Amino acid sequence: MRSFEDVQWWRSVPDKAAAAPVILATPDGEDAVATLLYERRPAGERELYMRLFDRAVELRPGLELRGYVSKSLWDKTEDP
C-alpha cells in the first residue's frame, strides 16, 4: 500500500479529515470513522460507505482491518 499516491495514515481519526474513497480502520476505530463520516459532515456532504471485505482481514497476525469504500466508487466498479 505504500506505493499508492495520496495515502494518509493516522493512529486516530482527526477531527476534520477529508472523506476518502477507501478507508481502512481497525475495529476499535470504527466508531470514530462513522462519527467523522456521518455526524461531522454537513447534510449534502455525507456519502454512503460500503463494506470492502466480506470476512475478517488481518494486516498481520492479531491486527484486524476493516475496509470501507464510498458508494460512488463502489458503483463505478460494478460490472455493466
N, C-alpha and C. Protein backbone atom coordinates (compact mmCIF):
# COMPACT_ATOMS: atom_id res chain seq x y z
N MET A 1 0.82 -1.20 0.00
CA MET A 1 0.00 0.00 0.00
C MET A 1 0.85 1.26 0.00
N ARG A 2 2.10 1.09 0.31
CA ARG A 2 2.98 2.26 0.33
C ARG A 2 3.18 2.86 -1.06
N SER A 3 2.90 2.09 -2.10
CA SER A 3 3.09 2.58 -3.46
C SER A 3 1.94 3.44 -3.97
N PHE A 4 0.81 3.44 -3.27
CA PHE A 4 -0.33 4.27 -3.68
C PHE A 4 -0.03 5.75 -3.43
N GLU A 5 -0.57 6.60 -4.31
CA GLU A 5 -0.43 8.04 -4.13
C GLU A 5 -1.53 8.56 -3.22
N ASP A 6 -1.26 9.67 -2.58
CA ASP A 6 -2.23 10.37 -1.75
C ASP A 6 -2.82 9.48 -0.66
N VAL A 7 -1.95 8.77 0.04
CA VAL A 7 -2.36 7.93 1.15
C VAL A 7 -1.98 8.63 2.45
N GLN A 8 -2.87 8.60 3.41
CA GLN A 8 -2.59 9.20 4.71
C GLN A 8 -2.81 8.14 5.78
N TRP A 9 -1.96 8.15 6.77
CA TRP A 9 -2.02 7.18 7.88
C TRP A 9 -2.18 7.94 9.18
N TRP A 10 -3.11 7.52 10.01
CA TRP A 10 -3.32 8.15 11.31
C TRP A 10 -3.48 7.07 12.37
N ARG A 11 -3.04 7.39 13.58
CA ARG A 11 -3.26 6.48 14.71
C ARG A 11 -4.65 6.67 15.31
N SER A 12 -5.23 7.82 15.05
CA SER A 12 -6.61 8.09 15.46
C SER A 12 -7.24 8.96 14.38
N VAL A 13 -8.55 9.03 14.37
CA VAL A 13 -9.26 9.79 13.34
C VAL A 13 -9.21 11.28 13.68
N PRO A 14 -8.64 12.10 12.79
CA PRO A 14 -8.60 13.54 13.04
C PRO A 14 -10.00 14.15 13.01
N ASP A 15 -10.17 15.26 13.68
CA ASP A 15 -11.48 15.91 13.75
C ASP A 15 -11.98 16.38 12.39
N LYS A 16 -11.07 16.80 11.51
CA LYS A 16 -11.51 17.38 10.23
C LYS A 16 -10.84 16.70 9.04
N ALA A 17 -10.73 15.42 9.06
CA ALA A 17 -10.14 14.69 7.94
C ALA A 17 -11.10 14.70 6.75
N ALA A 18 -10.54 14.73 5.56
CA ALA A 18 -11.37 14.66 4.36
C ALA A 18 -11.86 13.23 4.18
N ALA A 19 -13.05 13.09 3.63
CA ALA A 19 -13.57 11.77 3.34
C ALA A 19 -12.78 11.19 2.18
N ALA A 20 -12.39 9.97 2.29
CA ALA A 20 -11.60 9.30 1.26
C ALA A 20 -12.47 8.26 0.55
N PRO A 21 -12.14 7.90 -0.69
CA PRO A 21 -12.93 6.89 -1.36
C PRO A 21 -12.76 5.49 -0.76
N VAL A 22 -11.60 5.23 -0.16
CA VAL A 22 -11.35 3.96 0.52
C VAL A 22 -10.80 4.25 1.91
N ILE A 23 -11.35 3.59 2.91
CA ILE A 23 -10.92 3.80 4.29
C ILE A 23 -10.63 2.44 4.90
N LEU A 24 -9.47 2.31 5.52
CA LEU A 24 -9.12 1.12 6.29
C LEU A 24 -9.01 1.54 7.74
N ALA A 25 -9.58 0.77 8.63
CA ALA A 25 -9.56 1.10 10.06
C ALA A 25 -9.51 -0.18 10.87
N THR A 26 -8.99 -0.07 12.06
CA THR A 26 -9.05 -1.19 12.99
C THR A 26 -10.43 -1.19 13.63
N PRO A 27 -10.88 -2.32 14.16
CA PRO A 27 -12.20 -2.38 14.77
C PRO A 27 -12.41 -1.32 15.86
N ASP A 28 -11.38 -1.02 16.63
CA ASP A 28 -11.55 -0.01 17.69
C ASP A 28 -11.66 1.41 17.15
N GLY A 29 -11.40 1.62 15.88
CA GLY A 29 -11.52 2.95 15.28
C GLY A 29 -12.80 3.14 14.48
N GLU A 30 -13.61 2.09 14.37
CA GLU A 30 -14.82 2.18 13.56
C GLU A 30 -15.80 3.25 14.01
N ASP A 31 -16.02 3.37 15.30
CA ASP A 31 -16.96 4.39 15.79
C ASP A 31 -16.49 5.79 15.44
N ALA A 32 -15.20 6.05 15.56
CA ALA A 32 -14.66 7.37 15.23
C ALA A 32 -14.78 7.65 13.74
N VAL A 33 -14.57 6.64 12.91
CA VAL A 33 -14.72 6.82 11.46
C VAL A 33 -16.19 7.12 11.13
N ALA A 34 -17.11 6.38 11.72
CA ALA A 34 -18.54 6.62 11.48
C ALA A 34 -18.94 8.02 11.93
N THR A 35 -18.43 8.46 13.06
CA THR A 35 -18.73 9.82 13.54
C THR A 35 -18.23 10.85 12.55
N LEU A 36 -17.01 10.67 12.06
CA LEU A 36 -16.44 11.61 11.09
C LEU A 36 -17.28 11.66 9.81
N LEU A 37 -17.65 10.51 9.29
CA LEU A 37 -18.33 10.45 8.01
C LEU A 37 -19.80 10.85 8.07
N TYR A 38 -20.47 10.54 9.17
CA TYR A 38 -21.92 10.72 9.20
C TYR A 38 -22.42 11.76 10.19
N GLU A 39 -21.63 12.15 11.17
CA GLU A 39 -22.11 13.14 12.13
C GLU A 39 -21.42 14.49 11.97
N ARG A 40 -20.16 14.49 11.61
CA ARG A 40 -19.43 15.76 11.49
C ARG A 40 -19.59 16.41 10.12
N ARG A 41 -19.97 15.65 9.14
CA ARG A 41 -20.16 16.20 7.80
C ARG A 41 -21.54 16.84 7.71
N PRO A 42 -21.61 18.00 7.05
CA PRO A 42 -22.92 18.63 6.86
C PRO A 42 -23.80 17.79 5.93
N ALA A 43 -25.10 17.91 6.10
CA ALA A 43 -26.02 17.23 5.18
C ALA A 43 -25.67 17.66 3.77
N GLY A 44 -25.74 16.75 2.85
CA GLY A 44 -25.37 17.05 1.47
C GLY A 44 -23.92 16.71 1.15
N GLU A 45 -23.10 16.56 2.20
CA GLU A 45 -21.70 16.17 2.01
C GLU A 45 -21.44 14.76 2.54
N ARG A 46 -22.47 14.11 3.00
CA ARG A 46 -22.33 12.75 3.52
C ARG A 46 -22.51 11.75 2.39
N GLU A 47 -21.68 10.76 2.38
CA GLU A 47 -21.79 9.70 1.38
C GLU A 47 -21.89 8.36 2.07
N LEU A 48 -22.63 7.47 1.47
CA LEU A 48 -22.76 6.12 1.99
C LEU A 48 -21.46 5.36 1.74
N TYR A 49 -21.05 4.56 2.70
CA TYR A 49 -19.87 3.70 2.56
C TYR A 49 -20.29 2.25 2.66
N MET A 50 -19.68 1.43 1.82
CA MET A 50 -19.97 0.00 1.75
C MET A 50 -18.81 -0.76 2.37
N ARG A 51 -19.09 -1.93 2.93
CA ARG A 51 -18.01 -2.78 3.46
C ARG A 51 -17.19 -3.31 2.29
N LEU A 52 -15.89 -3.21 2.41
CA LEU A 52 -14.98 -3.65 1.36
C LEU A 52 -14.70 -5.15 1.44
N PHE A 53 -14.63 -5.69 2.66
CA PHE A 53 -14.31 -7.11 2.86
C PHE A 53 -15.54 -7.84 3.37
N ASP A 54 -15.74 -9.06 2.89
CA ASP A 54 -16.87 -9.85 3.36
C ASP A 54 -16.49 -10.83 4.47
N ARG A 55 -15.23 -10.75 4.90
CA ARG A 55 -14.76 -11.61 6.01
C ARG A 55 -13.65 -10.85 6.74
N ALA A 56 -13.21 -11.40 7.85
CA ALA A 56 -12.13 -10.76 8.61
C ALA A 56 -10.84 -10.75 7.80
N VAL A 57 -10.13 -9.63 7.82
CA VAL A 57 -8.86 -9.47 7.12
C VAL A 57 -7.85 -8.94 8.12
N GLU A 58 -6.67 -9.54 8.13
CA GLU A 58 -5.62 -9.09 9.05
C GLU A 58 -4.45 -8.51 8.25
N LEU A 59 -3.98 -7.36 8.69
CA LEU A 59 -2.79 -6.77 8.10
C LEU A 59 -1.57 -7.62 8.44
N ARG A 60 -1.57 -8.07 9.67
CA ARG A 60 -0.59 -9.05 10.16
C ARG A 60 -1.30 -9.79 11.30
N PRO A 61 -0.76 -10.90 11.75
CA PRO A 61 -1.45 -11.66 12.80
C PRO A 61 -1.81 -10.78 14.01
N GLY A 62 -3.08 -10.80 14.36
CA GLY A 62 -3.54 -10.05 15.52
C GLY A 62 -3.94 -8.61 15.23
N LEU A 63 -3.78 -8.15 13.98
CA LEU A 63 -4.15 -6.77 13.64
C LEU A 63 -5.21 -6.80 12.54
N GLU A 64 -6.47 -6.83 12.96
CA GLU A 64 -7.58 -6.88 12.01
C GLU A 64 -7.82 -5.51 11.40
N LEU A 65 -8.16 -5.50 10.14
CA LEU A 65 -8.53 -4.28 9.43
C LEU A 65 -9.95 -4.42 8.91
N ARG A 66 -10.66 -3.33 8.95
CA ARG A 66 -11.98 -3.25 8.34
C ARG A 66 -11.85 -2.25 7.19
N GLY A 67 -12.45 -2.57 6.08
CA GLY A 67 -12.34 -1.71 4.91
C GLY A 67 -13.70 -1.20 4.48
N TYR A 68 -13.70 0.05 4.02
CA TYR A 68 -14.92 0.70 3.55
C TYR A 68 -14.61 1.42 2.26
N VAL A 69 -15.56 1.41 1.34
CA VAL A 69 -15.40 2.09 0.06
C VAL A 69 -16.65 2.94 -0.17
N SER A 70 -16.43 4.15 -0.69
CA SER A 70 -17.57 5.05 -0.92
C SER A 70 -18.50 4.43 -1.96
N LYS A 71 -19.78 4.67 -1.80
CA LYS A 71 -20.78 4.12 -2.72
C LYS A 71 -20.52 4.58 -4.14
N SER A 72 -20.07 5.81 -4.33
CA SER A 72 -19.81 6.30 -5.68
C SER A 72 -18.68 5.51 -6.34
N LEU A 73 -17.64 5.17 -5.60
CA LEU A 73 -16.56 4.34 -6.15
C LEU A 73 -17.06 2.91 -6.35
N TRP A 74 -17.82 2.40 -5.39
CA TRP A 74 -18.38 1.05 -5.49
C TRP A 74 -19.20 0.92 -6.79
N ASP A 75 -20.02 1.92 -7.08
CA ASP A 75 -20.86 1.87 -8.27
C ASP A 75 -20.04 1.87 -9.56
N LYS A 76 -18.89 2.52 -9.54
CA LYS A 76 -18.02 2.57 -10.72
C LYS A 76 -17.38 1.23 -11.01
N THR A 77 -17.26 0.37 -10.00
CA THR A 77 -16.56 -0.89 -10.18
C THR A 77 -17.51 -2.05 -10.48
N GLU A 78 -18.79 -1.83 -10.46
CA GLU A 78 -19.74 -2.90 -10.76
C GLU A 78 -19.70 -3.22 -12.24
N ASP A 79 -19.92 -4.50 -12.57
CA ASP A 79 -19.98 -4.91 -13.98
C ASP A 79 -21.22 -4.33 -14.64
N PRO A 80 -21.07 -3.87 -15.89
CA PRO A 80 -22.25 -3.28 -16.59
C PRO A 80 -23.29 -4.31 -16.93
